[in-house]
Amino acid sequence: MKNIVEDFKMLNYSERKIRLPMNIVAIILIVLIFTAITLTATTVVTVEVGYVTIVIDPINKSMWTEGDGTYAGILFFKKPPWAYTKKVYVAVDKLEMWTEENMIGDYPAISCLTKDGLAVEVDILIRWRVDPNKVLDLYKNYPNLNWKMTTIASIVREVVRNVIANYTALQTIEKRSEIGTIIFNEIDRALKQDKTLLGAIILEETDLREIALPKKFTDAIEDKLAAEQEMLAAQYRAAAIIITTQAQANATLIMANATAEAIALIAEKCDLNATEIAQLYLLIEALKDIAETNENTIFLVIVGQDGQYILPLDQLKS
C-alpha cells in the first residue's frame, strides 16, 4: 500500500513538471502575439480622401508624407513605432467673411472706406485648397496648421480694403463685377507671393456677396432714381402733348387748305365771288354749331334758278 501511494505522488510530480513548461510557452506566445500586433499597429499609416498624412519621426529627425488626397487606405510598416502622424486637409476649403444681424461667418464682414470716404461693409467668400505636393513645406512654417487664420484671412482683408479704396461709393454699385474680378486676381497674386505660404495655397474662387452701403446713402440714391423716373415720365407726357398738338394743327391746316380749295373751285365753276362764298361757308358752320349746341334742327333754304333747296344742317355734322 505504501508503494502505491509513493508511485502516485511521483506521477503527480511528473505531470506538474510537464505542465509548467507548457504554461510558460503559452505566456510567451501571448506576449509575442501582443508585441507583434502592437508593433504592427504602431507602424500603420492611414490615408483618407481629401487628406495628406504627414509622418514625423522625432528620433531620426525626419518627416515625409503619405497619400495625396485622392484615395483612402491603410498602409502597413510605413513608419517606425515611435513616429506620429498629422493629417492635412487638401480638398477645397472655404473662408467666409460676412455679417447678418447677430450672425457672422468665419469672420465678420470687412469694413472698408471708398475713394470718397464712405464706410462700407463687404461680405465675401473665398474657396481654396492646399497643393498636396507642398504640404510638408507648409507644415514646417505652420506646425499648428493655422495658415487659414493667421495668413489667408489677413491677406483677404488687406486686398479687399485696397481695392475698394480705388472706387467711389456709387462706382461700387456700377462696377461690382469689375471689382470682383480685381479682388480675385489680387488675392491670387498675394497668396502666391507670400513667403510663408510658399505657393502652397491654390485659389479656386471668390464670391463678392455684397458691398453694403450706409442706409442714408442708399435712400438718397433711391430718391434720385425716383426723381429721374418722374422727370422721364414728365418728358414723355410733354412729348405726347406736343405730338397731339402738332397733329391737331396739321389737321386744322389740312382742313383749311381743303376748304379754301373748295371755295375757289365753287367760285370758278359758278362764276361767283369767292368772298361771298367764304362768308356763306362761315355762316353755315356757325349754324351747324348752333344746331349741335341746342340740339335743334336748323334748315337752310337755298334759292336757285332751278328752284328751292331745303338742307337740314344736322346732316352736315362732321
C-alpha atoms as a PDB file:
ATOM      1  CA  MET A   1       0.000   0.000   0.000  1.00  0.00           C
ATOM      2  CA  LYS A   2       2.848   2.339   0.829  1.00  0.00           C
ATOM      3  CA  ASN A   3       4.447   1.697  -2.533  1.00  0.00           C
ATOM      4  CA  ILE A   4       1.253   2.552  -4.371  1.00  0.00           C
ATOM      5  CA  VAL A   5       0.987   5.916  -2.595  1.00  0.00           C
ATOM      6  CA  GLU A   6       4.600   6.762  -3.390  1.00  0.00           C
ATOM      7  CA  ASP A   7       4.077   5.858  -7.065  1.00  0.00           C
ATOM      8  CA  PHE A   8       1.008   8.153  -7.228  1.00  0.00           C
ATOM      9  CA  LYS A   9       2.987  11.059  -5.734  1.00  0.00           C
ATOM     10  CA  MET A  10       5.751  10.541  -8.255  1.00  0.00           C
ATOM     11  CA  LEU A  11       3.196  10.588 -11.101  1.00  0.00           C
ATOM     12  CA  ASN A  12       1.648  13.889  -9.947  1.00  0.00           C
ATOM     13  CA  TYR A  13       5.113  15.435  -9.630  1.00  0.00           C
ATOM     14  CA  SER A  14       5.998  14.381 -13.174  1.00  0.00           C
ATOM     15  CA  GLU A  15       2.755  15.869 -14.532  1.00  0.00           C
ATOM     16  CA  ARG A  16       3.467  19.125 -12.731  1.00  0.00           C
ATOM     17  CA  LYS A  17       6.952  19.187 -14.227  1.00  0.00           C
ATOM     18  CA  ILE A  18       5.440  18.735 -17.694  1.00  0.00           C
ATOM     19  CA  ARG A  19       2.628  21.296 -17.210  1.00  0.00           C
ATOM     20  CA  LEU A  20       4.952  24.081 -16.025  1.00  0.00           C
ATOM     21  CA  PRO A  21       6.883  24.429 -19.300  1.00  0.00           C
ATOM     22  CA  MET A  22       3.625  24.374 -21.287  1.00  0.00           C
ATOM     23  CA  ASN A  23       2.232  27.323 -19.293  1.00  0.00           C
ATOM     24  CA  ILE A  24       5.402  29.284 -19.838  1.00  0.00           C
ATOM     25  CA  VAL A  25       5.252  28.626 -23.572  1.00  0.00           C
ATOM     26  CA  ALA A  26       1.641  29.815 -23.691  1.00  0.00           C
ATOM     27  CA  ILE A  27       2.540  33.017 -21.869  1.00  0.00           C
ATOM     28  CA  ILE A  28       5.486  33.615 -24.180  1.00  0.00           C
ATOM     29  CA  LEU A  29       3.291  33.082 -27.225  1.00  0.00           C
ATOM     30  CA  ILE A  30       0.689  35.524 -25.918  1.00  0.00           C
ATOM     31  CA  VAL A  31       3.371  38.130 -25.251  1.00  0.00           C
ATOM     32  CA  LEU A  32       4.866  37.639 -28.708  1.00  0.00           C
ATOM     33  CA  ILE A  33       1.484  37.934 -30.414  1.00  0.00           C
ATOM     34  CA  PHE A  34       0.602  41.066 -28.443  1.00  0.00           C
ATOM     35  CA  THR A  35       4.000  42.577 -29.216  1.00  0.00           C
ATOM     36  CA  ALA A  36       3.622  41.789 -32.913  1.00  0.00           C
ATOM     37  CA  ILE A  37       0.152  43.311 -33.043  1.00  0.00           C
ATOM     38  CA  THR A  38       1.331  46.388 -31.150  1.00  0.00           C
ATOM     39  CA  LEU A  39       4.365  46.859 -33.368  1.00  0.00           C
ATOM     40  CA  THR A  40       2.276  46.358 -36.483  1.00  0.00           C
ATOM     41  CA  ALA A  41      -0.334  48.835 -35.289  1.00  0.00           C
ATOM     42  CA  THR A  42       2.291  51.448 -34.492  1.00  0.00           C
ATOM     43  CA  THR A  43       3.781  51.135 -37.975  1.00  0.00           C
ATOM     44  CA  VAL A  44       0.457  51.596 -39.771  1.00  0.00           C
ATOM     45  CA  VAL A  45      -0.321  54.844 -41.587  1.00  0.00           C
ATOM     46  CA  THR A  46      -3.916  55.584 -42.622  1.00  0.00           C
ATOM     47  CA  VAL A  47      -4.731  57.892 -45.514  1.00  0.00           C
ATOM     48  CA  GLU A  48      -8.125  59.432 -46.304  1.00  0.00           C
ATOM     49  CA  VAL A  49      -9.750  61.080 -49.296  1.00  0.00           C
ATOM     50  CA  GLY A  50      -9.142  64.813 -49.080  1.00  0.00           C
ATOM     51  CA  TYR A  51      -6.212  64.491 -46.683  1.00  0.00           C
ATOM     52  CA  VAL A  52      -2.442  64.116 -46.824  1.00  0.00           C
ATOM     53  CA  THR A  53      -0.842  62.331 -43.859  1.00  0.00           C
ATOM     54  CA  ILE A  54       2.431  63.728 -42.511  1.00  0.00           C
ATOM     55  CA  VAL A  55       4.680  61.245 -40.679  1.00  0.00           C
ATOM     56  CA  ILE A  56       7.015  62.788 -38.070  1.00  0.00           C
ATOM     57  CA  ASP A  57       9.973  60.756 -36.761  1.00  0.00           C
ATOM     58  CA  PRO A  58      11.430  62.659 -33.782  1.00  0.00           C
ATOM     59  CA  ILE A  59      14.285  60.194 -33.215  1.00  0.00           C
ATOM     60  CA  ASN A  60      15.628  60.254 -36.751  1.00  0.00           C
ATOM     61  CA  LYS A  61      14.525  63.899 -37.135  1.00  0.00           C
ATOM     62  CA  SER A  62      12.757  63.267 -40.394  1.00  0.00           C
ATOM     63  CA  MET A  63       9.338  63.905 -41.920  1.00  0.00           C
ATOM     64  CA  TRP A  64       7.538  62.647 -45.008  1.00  0.00           C
ATOM     65  CA  THR A  65       4.020  62.459 -46.426  1.00  0.00           C
ATOM     66  CA  GLU A  66       1.724  59.605 -47.374  1.00  0.00           C
ATOM     67  CA  GLY A  67      -1.228  59.928 -49.763  1.00  0.00           C
ATOM     68  CA  ASP A  68      -2.250  62.825 -51.996  1.00  0.00           C
ATOM     69  CA  GLY A  69      -5.904  63.245 -51.049  1.00  0.00           C
ATOM     70  CA  THR A  70      -7.295  61.240 -53.957  1.00  0.00           C
ATOM     71  CA  TYR A  71      -7.638  57.836 -52.259  1.00  0.00           C
ATOM     72  CA  ALA A  72      -8.087  56.150 -48.877  1.00  0.00           C
ATOM     73  CA  GLY A  73      -6.223  53.177 -47.453  1.00  0.00           C
ATOM     74  CA  ILE A  74      -4.266  51.539 -44.648  1.00  0.00           C
ATOM     75  CA  LEU A  75      -0.501  51.360 -45.203  1.00  0.00           C
ATOM     76  CA  PHE A  76       1.457  48.877 -43.087  1.00  0.00           C
ATOM     77  CA  PHE A  77       5.072  49.295 -41.969  1.00  0.00           C
ATOM     78  CA  LYS A  78       5.175  52.885 -43.251  1.00  0.00           C
ATOM     79  CA  LYS A  79       6.687  54.368 -40.086  1.00  0.00           C
ATOM     80  CA  PRO A  80       8.661  53.324 -37.007  1.00  0.00           C
ATOM     81  CA  PRO A  81       6.624  52.659 -33.861  1.00  0.00           C
ATOM     82  CA  TRP A  82       7.739  55.887 -32.168  1.00  0.00           C
ATOM     83  CA  ALA A  83       6.784  58.151 -35.070  1.00  0.00           C
ATOM     84  CA  TYR A  84       3.460  60.021 -35.037  1.00  0.00           C
ATOM     85  CA  THR A  85       1.227  61.475 -37.749  1.00  0.00           C
ATOM     86  CA  LYS A  86      -0.765  64.597 -38.595  1.00  0.00           C
ATOM     87  CA  LYS A  87      -3.437  64.949 -41.261  1.00  0.00           C
ATOM     88  CA  VAL A  88      -3.678  67.992 -43.523  1.00  0.00           C
ATOM     89  CA  TYR A  89      -6.906  68.795 -45.393  1.00  0.00           C
ATOM     90  CA  VAL A  90      -6.120  69.328 -49.091  1.00  0.00           C
ATOM     91  CA  ALA A  91      -9.611  69.291 -50.648  1.00  0.00           C
ATOM     92  CA  VAL A  92     -11.483  72.533 -51.391  1.00  0.00           C
ATOM     93  CA  ASP A  93     -11.827  74.641 -48.255  1.00  0.00           C
ATOM     94  CA  LYS A  94     -13.627  77.953 -47.730  1.00  0.00           C
ATOM     95  CA  LEU A  95     -13.285  81.179 -45.800  1.00  0.00           C
ATOM     96  CA  GLU A  96     -16.417  83.256 -45.138  1.00  0.00           C
ATOM     97  CA  MET A  97     -16.423  86.889 -44.035  1.00  0.00           C
ATOM     98  CA  TRP A  98     -19.944  88.251 -43.579  1.00  0.00           C
ATOM     99  CA  THR A  99     -22.252  89.815 -41.026  1.00  0.00           C
ATOM    100  CA  GLU A 100     -26.030  89.410 -40.931  1.00  0.00           C
ATOM    101  CA  GLU A 101     -27.925  90.699 -37.900  1.00  0.00           C
ATOM    102  CA  ASN A 102     -26.347  88.838 -34.955  1.00  0.00           C
ATOM    103  CA  MET A 103     -24.622  86.186 -37.065  1.00  0.00           C
ATOM    104  CA  ILE A 104     -21.196  86.151 -38.724  1.00  0.00           C
ATOM    105  CA  GLY A 105     -19.269  83.772 -40.964  1.00  0.00           C
ATOM    106  CA  ASP A 106     -15.783  82.547 -40.066  1.00  0.00           C
ATOM    107  CA  TYR A 107     -15.072  86.249 -39.606  1.00  0.00           C
ATOM    108  CA  PRO A 108     -17.274  89.374 -39.701  1.00  0.00           C
ATOM    109  CA  ALA A 109     -17.740  91.469 -42.839  1.00  0.00           C
ATOM    110  CA  ILE A 110     -14.757  93.588 -43.889  1.00  0.00           C
ATOM    111  CA  SER A 111     -15.048  97.283 -43.015  1.00  0.00           C
ATOM    112  CA  CYS A 112     -13.706  99.478 -45.834  1.00  0.00           C
ATOM    113  CA  LEU A 113     -13.574 103.107 -46.952  1.00  0.00           C
ATOM    114  CA  THR A 114     -14.434 104.089 -50.508  1.00  0.00           C
ATOM    115  CA  LYS A 115     -12.488 106.609 -52.565  1.00  0.00           C
ATOM    116  CA  ASP A 116     -14.882 109.358 -51.488  1.00  0.00           C
ATOM    117  CA  GLY A 117     -14.589 108.414 -47.804  1.00  0.00           C
ATOM    118  CA  LEU A 118     -17.823 106.467 -47.331  1.00  0.00           C
ATOM    119  CA  ALA A 119     -17.748 103.492 -44.924  1.00  0.00           C
ATOM    120  CA  VAL A 120     -18.964 100.215 -46.450  1.00  0.00           C
ATOM    121  CA  GLU A 121     -19.159  96.589 -45.275  1.00  0.00           C
ATOM    122  CA  VAL A 122     -18.003  93.898 -47.709  1.00  0.00           C
ATOM    123  CA  ASP A 123     -19.294  90.312 -47.496  1.00  0.00           C
ATOM    124  CA  ILE A 124     -17.019  87.872 -49.306  1.00  0.00           C
ATOM    125  CA  LEU A 125     -16.459  84.118 -49.574  1.00  0.00           C
ATOM    126  CA  ILE A 126     -13.322  82.502 -50.995  1.00  0.00           C
ATOM    127  CA  ARG A 127     -12.675  78.870 -51.902  1.00  0.00           C
ATOM    128  CA  TRP A 128      -9.157  77.467 -51.958  1.00  0.00           C
ATOM    129  CA  ARG A 129      -7.150  74.281 -51.483  1.00  0.00           C
ATOM    130  CA  VAL A 130      -3.669  73.187 -50.451  1.00  0.00           C
ATOM    131  CA  ASP A 131      -1.264  71.816 -53.060  1.00  0.00           C
ATOM    132  CA  PRO A 132      -0.579  68.194 -51.914  1.00  0.00           C
ATOM    133  CA  ASN A 133       2.991  68.425 -53.213  1.00  0.00           C
ATOM    134  CA  LYS A 134       3.763  71.359 -50.909  1.00  0.00           C
ATOM    135  CA  VAL A 135       2.099  70.137 -47.719  1.00  0.00           C
ATOM    136  CA  LEU A 136       5.378  69.313 -45.983  1.00  0.00           C
ATOM    137  CA  ASP A 137       6.918  72.733 -46.637  1.00  0.00           C
ATOM    138  CA  LEU A 138       3.723  74.439 -45.485  1.00  0.00           C
ATOM    139  CA  TYR A 139       3.667  72.348 -42.299  1.00  0.00           C
ATOM    140  CA  LYS A 140       7.207  73.417 -41.428  1.00  0.00           C
ATOM    141  CA  ASN A 141       6.061  77.053 -41.392  1.00  0.00           C
ATOM    142  CA  TYR A 142       2.719  76.297 -39.745  1.00  0.00           C
ATOM    143  CA  PRO A 143       3.093  73.258 -37.432  1.00  0.00           C
ATOM    144  CA  ASN A 144      -0.279  74.118 -35.859  1.00  0.00           C
ATOM    145  CA  LEU A 145      -1.936  74.009 -39.307  1.00  0.00           C
ATOM    146  CA  ASN A 146      -3.302  77.523 -38.711  1.00  0.00           C
ATOM    147  CA  TRP A 147      -2.438  79.192 -42.038  1.00  0.00           C
ATOM    148  CA  LYS A 148      -6.106  79.968 -42.682  1.00  0.00           C
ATOM    149  CA  MET A 149      -6.495  82.061 -39.530  1.00  0.00           C
ATOM    150  CA  THR A 150      -3.077  83.702 -39.363  1.00  0.00           C
ATOM    151  CA  THR A 151      -2.317  84.480 -43.018  1.00  0.00           C
ATOM    152  CA  ILE A 152      -5.092  83.830 -45.547  1.00  0.00           C
ATOM    153  CA  ALA A 153      -7.720  85.838 -43.650  1.00  0.00           C
ATOM    154  CA  SER A 154      -5.281  88.735 -43.270  1.00  0.00           C
ATOM    155  CA  ILE A 155      -4.464  88.735 -46.993  1.00  0.00           C
ATOM    156  CA  VAL A 156      -8.145  88.766 -47.947  1.00  0.00           C
ATOM    157  CA  ARG A 157      -8.880  91.741 -45.675  1.00  0.00           C
ATOM    158  CA  GLU A 158      -5.940  93.746 -46.971  1.00  0.00           C
ATOM    159  CA  VAL A 159      -6.737  93.116 -50.636  1.00  0.00           C
ATOM    160  CA  VAL A 160     -10.441  93.943 -50.288  1.00  0.00           C
ATOM    161  CA  ARG A 161      -9.712  97.212 -48.479  1.00  0.00           C
ATOM    162  CA  ASN A 162      -7.103  98.265 -51.037  1.00  0.00           C
ATOM    163  CA  VAL A 163      -9.401  97.529 -53.985  1.00  0.00           C
ATOM    164  CA  ILE A 164     -12.479  99.251 -52.522  1.00  0.00           C
ATOM    165  CA  ALA A 165     -10.360 102.347 -51.784  1.00  0.00           C
ATOM    166  CA  ASN A 166      -9.964 102.866 -55.550  1.00  0.00           C
ATOM    167  CA  TYR A 167     -13.715 103.254 -56.180  1.00  0.00           C
ATOM    168  CA  THR A 168     -16.326 105.779 -55.133  1.00  0.00           C
ATOM    169  CA  ALA A 169     -19.435 104.598 -53.328  1.00  0.00           C
ATOM    170  CA  LEU A 170     -21.525 104.908 -56.476  1.00  0.00           C
ATOM    171  CA  GLN A 171     -18.909 103.017 -58.508  1.00  0.00           C
ATOM    172  CA  THR A 172     -19.093 100.073 -56.101  1.00  0.00           C
ATOM    173  CA  ILE A 173     -22.645  99.619 -57.390  1.00  0.00           C
ATOM    174  CA  GLU A 174     -21.987 100.320 -61.053  1.00  0.00           C
ATOM    175  CA  LYS A 175     -18.727  98.329 -61.312  1.00  0.00           C
ATOM    176  CA  ARG A 176     -19.359  95.446 -58.938  1.00  0.00           C
ATOM    177  CA  SER A 177     -18.396  92.788 -61.497  1.00  0.00           C
ATOM    178  CA  GLU A 178     -15.131  94.577 -62.255  1.00  0.00           C
ATOM    179  CA  ILE A 179     -14.357  94.899 -58.541  1.00  0.00           C
ATOM    180  CA  GLY A 180     -14.994  91.171 -58.014  1.00  0.00           C
ATOM    181  CA  THR A 181     -12.566  90.245 -60.800  1.00  0.00           C
ATOM    182  CA  ILE A 182      -9.844  92.535 -59.469  1.00  0.00           C
ATOM    183  CA  ILE A 183     -10.249  91.163 -55.932  1.00  0.00           C
ATOM    184  CA  PHE A 184      -9.836  87.585 -57.215  1.00  0.00           C
ATOM    185  CA  ASN A 185      -6.685  88.455 -59.173  1.00  0.00           C
ATOM    186  CA  GLU A 186      -5.139  90.398 -56.298  1.00  0.00           C
ATOM    187  CA  ILE A 187      -5.840  87.697 -53.691  1.00  0.00           C
ATOM    188  CA  ASP A 188      -4.419  85.050 -56.018  1.00  0.00           C
ATOM    189  CA  ARG A 189      -1.262  87.111 -56.565  1.00  0.00           C
ATOM    190  CA  ALA A 190      -0.827  87.800 -52.835  1.00  0.00           C
ATOM    191  CA  LEU A 191      -1.222  84.116 -51.896  1.00  0.00           C
ATOM    192  CA  LYS A 192       1.403  83.085 -54.440  1.00  0.00           C
ATOM    193  CA  GLN A 193       3.870  85.767 -53.354  1.00  0.00           C
ATOM    194  CA  ASP A 194       3.563  85.250 -49.595  1.00  0.00           C
ATOM    195  CA  LYS A 195       6.889  83.907 -48.326  1.00  0.00           C
ATOM    196  CA  THR A 196       5.393  81.780 -45.565  1.00  0.00           C
ATOM    197  CA  LEU A 197       2.751  80.083 -47.705  1.00  0.00           C
ATOM    198  CA  LEU A 198       5.379  79.087 -50.302  1.00  0.00           C
ATOM    199  CA  GLY A 199       2.806  78.963 -53.108  1.00  0.00           C
ATOM    200  CA  ALA A 200       1.005  76.067 -51.411  1.00  0.00           C
ATOM    201  CA  ILE A 201      -2.433  77.749 -51.461  1.00  0.00           C
ATOM    202  CA  ILE A 202      -4.368  77.469 -54.734  1.00  0.00           C
ATOM    203  CA  LEU A 203      -7.229  79.965 -55.037  1.00  0.00           C
ATOM    204  CA  GLU A 204     -10.300  78.427 -56.677  1.00  0.00           C
ATOM    205  CA  GLU A 205     -12.990  81.132 -56.473  1.00  0.00           C
ATOM    206  CA  THR A 206     -14.030  84.382 -54.818  1.00  0.00           C
ATOM    207  CA  ASP A 207     -17.671  85.326 -54.325  1.00  0.00           C
ATOM    208  CA  LEU A 208     -18.255  89.032 -53.685  1.00  0.00           C
ATOM    209  CA  ARG A 209     -21.602  88.595 -51.968  1.00  0.00           C
ATOM    210  CA  GLU A 210     -22.397  92.179 -51.009  1.00  0.00           C
ATOM    211  CA  ILE A 211     -20.986  95.682 -50.720  1.00  0.00           C
ATOM    212  CA  ALA A 212     -23.285  97.148 -48.078  1.00  0.00           C
ATOM    213  CA  LEU A 213     -23.589 100.935 -48.303  1.00  0.00           C
ATOM    214  CA  PRO A 214     -24.959 103.112 -45.459  1.00  0.00           C
ATOM    215  CA  LYS A 215     -28.755 103.336 -45.414  1.00  0.00           C
ATOM    216  CA  LYS A 216     -28.734 107.128 -45.805  1.00  0.00           C
ATOM    217  CA  PHE A 217     -26.727 106.778 -48.991  1.00  0.00           C
ATOM    218  CA  THR A 218     -28.967 104.096 -50.471  1.00  0.00           C
ATOM    219  CA  ASP A 219     -32.061 106.147 -49.563  1.00  0.00           C
ATOM    220  CA  ALA A 220     -30.565 109.142 -51.366  1.00  0.00           C
ATOM    221  CA  ILE A 221     -29.883 107.008 -54.435  1.00  0.00           C
ATOM    222  CA  GLU A 222     -33.442 105.675 -54.424  1.00  0.00           C
ATOM    223  CA  ASP A 223     -34.826 109.224 -54.156  1.00  0.00           C
ATOM    224  CA  LYS A 224     -32.623 110.313 -57.037  1.00  0.00           C
ATOM    225  CA  LEU A 225     -33.753 107.401 -59.184  1.00  0.00           C
ATOM    226  CA  ALA A 226     -37.391 108.138 -58.364  1.00  0.00           C
ATOM    227  CA  ALA A 227     -36.903 111.797 -59.348  1.00  0.00           C
ATOM    228  CA  GLU A 228     -35.215 110.770 -62.592  1.00  0.00           C
ATOM    229  CA  GLN A 229     -38.059 108.395 -63.403  1.00  0.00           C
ATOM    230  CA  GLU A 230     -40.624 111.130 -62.678  1.00  0.00           C
ATOM    231  CA  MET A 231     -38.699 113.518 -64.906  1.00  0.00           C
ATOM    232  CA  LEU A 232     -38.657 110.968 -67.707  1.00  0.00           C
ATOM    233  CA  ALA A 233     -42.399 110.427 -67.275  1.00  0.00           C
ATOM    234  CA  ALA A 234     -42.993 114.198 -67.409  1.00  0.00           C
ATOM    235  CA  GLN A 235     -40.867 114.461 -70.538  1.00  0.00           C
ATOM    236  CA  TYR A 236     -42.881 111.659 -72.088  1.00  0.00           C
ATOM    237  CA  ARG A 237     -46.172 113.363 -71.229  1.00  0.00           C
ATOM    238  CA  ALA A 238     -44.900 116.680 -72.602  1.00  0.00           C
ATOM    239  CA  ALA A 239     -43.750 114.990 -75.794  1.00  0.00           C
ATOM    240  CA  ALA A 240     -47.165 113.318 -76.145  1.00  0.00           C
ATOM    241  CA  ILE A 241     -48.920 116.685 -75.755  1.00  0.00           C
ATOM    242  CA  ILE A 242     -46.631 118.259 -78.353  1.00  0.00           C
ATOM    243  CA  ILE A 243     -47.280 115.434 -80.791  1.00  0.00           C
ATOM    244  CA  THR A 244     -51.051 115.671 -80.230  1.00  0.00           C
ATOM    245  CA  THR A 245     -50.999 119.454 -80.673  1.00  0.00           C
ATOM    246  CA  GLN A 246     -48.940 119.196 -83.824  1.00  0.00           C
ATOM    247  CA  ALA A 247     -51.332 116.582 -85.181  1.00  0.00           C
ATOM    248  CA  GLN A 248     -54.329 118.787 -84.441  1.00  0.00           C
ATOM    249  CA  ALA A 249     -52.618 121.783 -86.008  1.00  0.00           C
ATOM    250  CA  ASN A 250     -51.768 119.761 -89.089  1.00  0.00           C
ATOM    251  CA  ALA A 251     -55.367 118.524 -89.309  1.00  0.00           C
ATOM    252  CA  THR A 252     -56.698 122.083 -88.996  1.00  0.00           C
ATOM    253  CA  LEU A 253     -54.279 123.286 -91.650  1.00  0.00           C
ATOM    254  CA  ILE A 254     -55.259 120.476 -93.991  1.00  0.00           C
ATOM    255  CA  MET A 255     -58.961 121.221 -93.441  1.00  0.00           C
ATOM    256  CA  ALA A 256     -58.400 124.939 -94.023  1.00  0.00           C
ATOM    257  CA  ASN A 257     -56.482 124.274 -97.211  1.00  0.00           C
ATOM    258  CA  ALA A 258     -59.199 121.890 -98.401  1.00  0.00           C
ATOM    259  CA  THR A 259     -61.903 124.456 -97.592  1.00  0.00           C
ATOM    260  CA  ALA A 260     -60.041 127.185 -99.440  1.00  0.00           C
ATOM    261  CA  GLU A 261     -59.577 124.951-102.445  1.00  0.00           C
ATOM    262  CA  ALA A 262     -63.278 124.018-102.360  1.00  0.00           C
ATOM    263  CA  ILE A 263     -64.360 127.673-102.193  1.00  0.00           C
ATOM    264  CA  ALA A 264     -62.069 128.582-105.056  1.00  0.00           C
ATOM    265  CA  LEU A 265     -63.404 125.685-107.115  1.00  0.00           C
ATOM    266  CA  ILE A 266     -67.051 126.654-106.438  1.00  0.00           C
ATOM    267  CA  ALA A 267     -66.333 130.273-107.303  1.00  0.00           C
ATOM    268  CA  GLU A 268     -64.712 129.228-110.520  1.00  0.00           C
ATOM    269  CA  LYS A 269     -67.473 126.844-111.577  1.00  0.00           C
ATOM    270  CA  CYS A 270     -70.375 129.054-110.509  1.00  0.00           C
ATOM    271  CA  ASP A 271     -68.818 132.305-111.573  1.00  0.00           C
ATOM    272  CA  LEU A 272     -69.393 133.676-108.060  1.00  0.00           C
ATOM    273  CA  ASN A 273     -67.418 135.956-105.799  1.00  0.00           C
ATOM    274  CA  ALA A 274     -65.071 133.872-103.643  1.00  0.00           C
ATOM    275  CA  THR A 275     -65.535 136.259-100.723  1.00  0.00           C
ATOM    276  CA  GLU A 276     -69.283 135.777-100.751  1.00  0.00           C
ATOM    277  CA  ILE A 277     -68.911 132.005-100.882  1.00  0.00           C
ATOM    278  CA  ALA A 278     -66.500 132.136 -97.936  1.00  0.00           C
ATOM    279  CA  GLN A 279     -68.962 134.219 -95.926  1.00  0.00           C
ATOM    280  CA  LEU A 280     -71.710 131.728 -96.753  1.00  0.00           C
ATOM    281  CA  TYR A 281     -69.452 128.863 -95.618  1.00  0.00           C
ATOM    282  CA  LEU A 282     -68.746 130.555 -92.305  1.00  0.00           C
ATOM    283  CA  LEU A 283     -72.466 131.198 -91.822  1.00  0.00           C
ATOM    284  CA  ILE A 284     -73.267 127.556 -92.444  1.00  0.00           C
ATOM    285  CA  GLU A 285     -70.562 126.428 -89.975  1.00  0.00           C
ATOM    286  CA  ALA A 286     -71.935 128.797 -87.340  1.00  0.00           C
ATOM    287  CA  LEU A 287     -75.461 127.492 -87.847  1.00  0.00           C
ATOM    288  CA  LYS A 288     -74.136 123.910 -87.554  1.00  0.00           C
ATOM    289  CA  ASP A 289     -72.562 124.736 -84.199  1.00  0.00           C
ATOM    290  CA  ILE A 290     -75.841 126.262 -83.015  1.00  0.00           C
ATOM    291  CA  ALA A 291     -77.724 123.162 -84.107  1.00  0.00           C
ATOM    292  CA  GLU A 292     -75.300 120.879 -82.242  1.00  0.00           C
ATOM    293  CA  THR A 293     -75.358 123.011 -79.084  1.00  0.00           C
ATOM    294  CA  ASN A 294     -79.128 123.492 -78.849  1.00  0.00           C
ATOM    295  CA  GLU A 295     -79.981 120.024 -80.125  1.00  0.00           C
ATOM    296  CA  ASN A 296     -82.371 121.635 -82.639  1.00  0.00           C
ATOM    297  CA  THR A 297     -82.656 121.054 -86.339  1.00  0.00           C
ATOM    298  CA  ILE A 298     -81.986 124.111 -88.473  1.00  0.00           C
ATOM    299  CA  PHE A 299     -82.984 124.047 -92.117  1.00  0.00           C
ATOM    300  CA  LEU A 300     -81.129 126.063 -94.686  1.00  0.00           C
ATOM    301  CA  VAL A 301     -83.249 127.226 -97.660  1.00  0.00           C
ATOM    302  CA  ILE A 302     -81.244 127.742-100.831  1.00  0.00           C
ATOM    303  CA  VAL A 303     -82.957 129.553-103.695  1.00  0.00           C
ATOM    304  CA  GLY A 304     -81.544 128.949-107.123  1.00  0.00           C
ATOM    305  CA  GLN A 305     -82.523 129.291-110.745  1.00  0.00           C
ATOM    306  CA  ASP A 306     -83.790 125.733-110.780  1.00  0.00           C
ATOM    307  CA  GLY A 307     -85.876 126.100-107.623  1.00  0.00           C
ATOM    308  CA  GLN A 308     -85.550 125.990-103.855  1.00  0.00           C
ATOM    309  CA  TYR A 309     -83.447 123.533-101.854  1.00  0.00           C
ATOM    310  CA  ILE A 310     -84.061 122.757 -98.179  1.00  0.00           C
ATOM    311  CA  LEU A 311     -80.966 121.441 -96.440  1.00  0.00           C
ATOM    312  CA  PRO A 312     -81.099 120.081 -92.789  1.00  0.00           C
ATOM    313  CA  LEU A 313     -77.889 121.277 -91.132  1.00  0.00           C
ATOM    314  CA  ASP A 314     -77.750 118.306 -88.724  1.00  0.00           C
ATOM    315  CA  GLN A 315     -76.820 116.152 -91.727  1.00  0.00           C
ATOM    316  CA  LEU A 316     -73.719 118.289 -92.219  1.00  0.00           C
ATOM    317  CA  LYS A 317     -72.221 117.436 -88.842  1.00  0.00           C
ATOM    318  CA  SER A 318     -68.664 116.410 -89.330  1.00  0.00           C
END
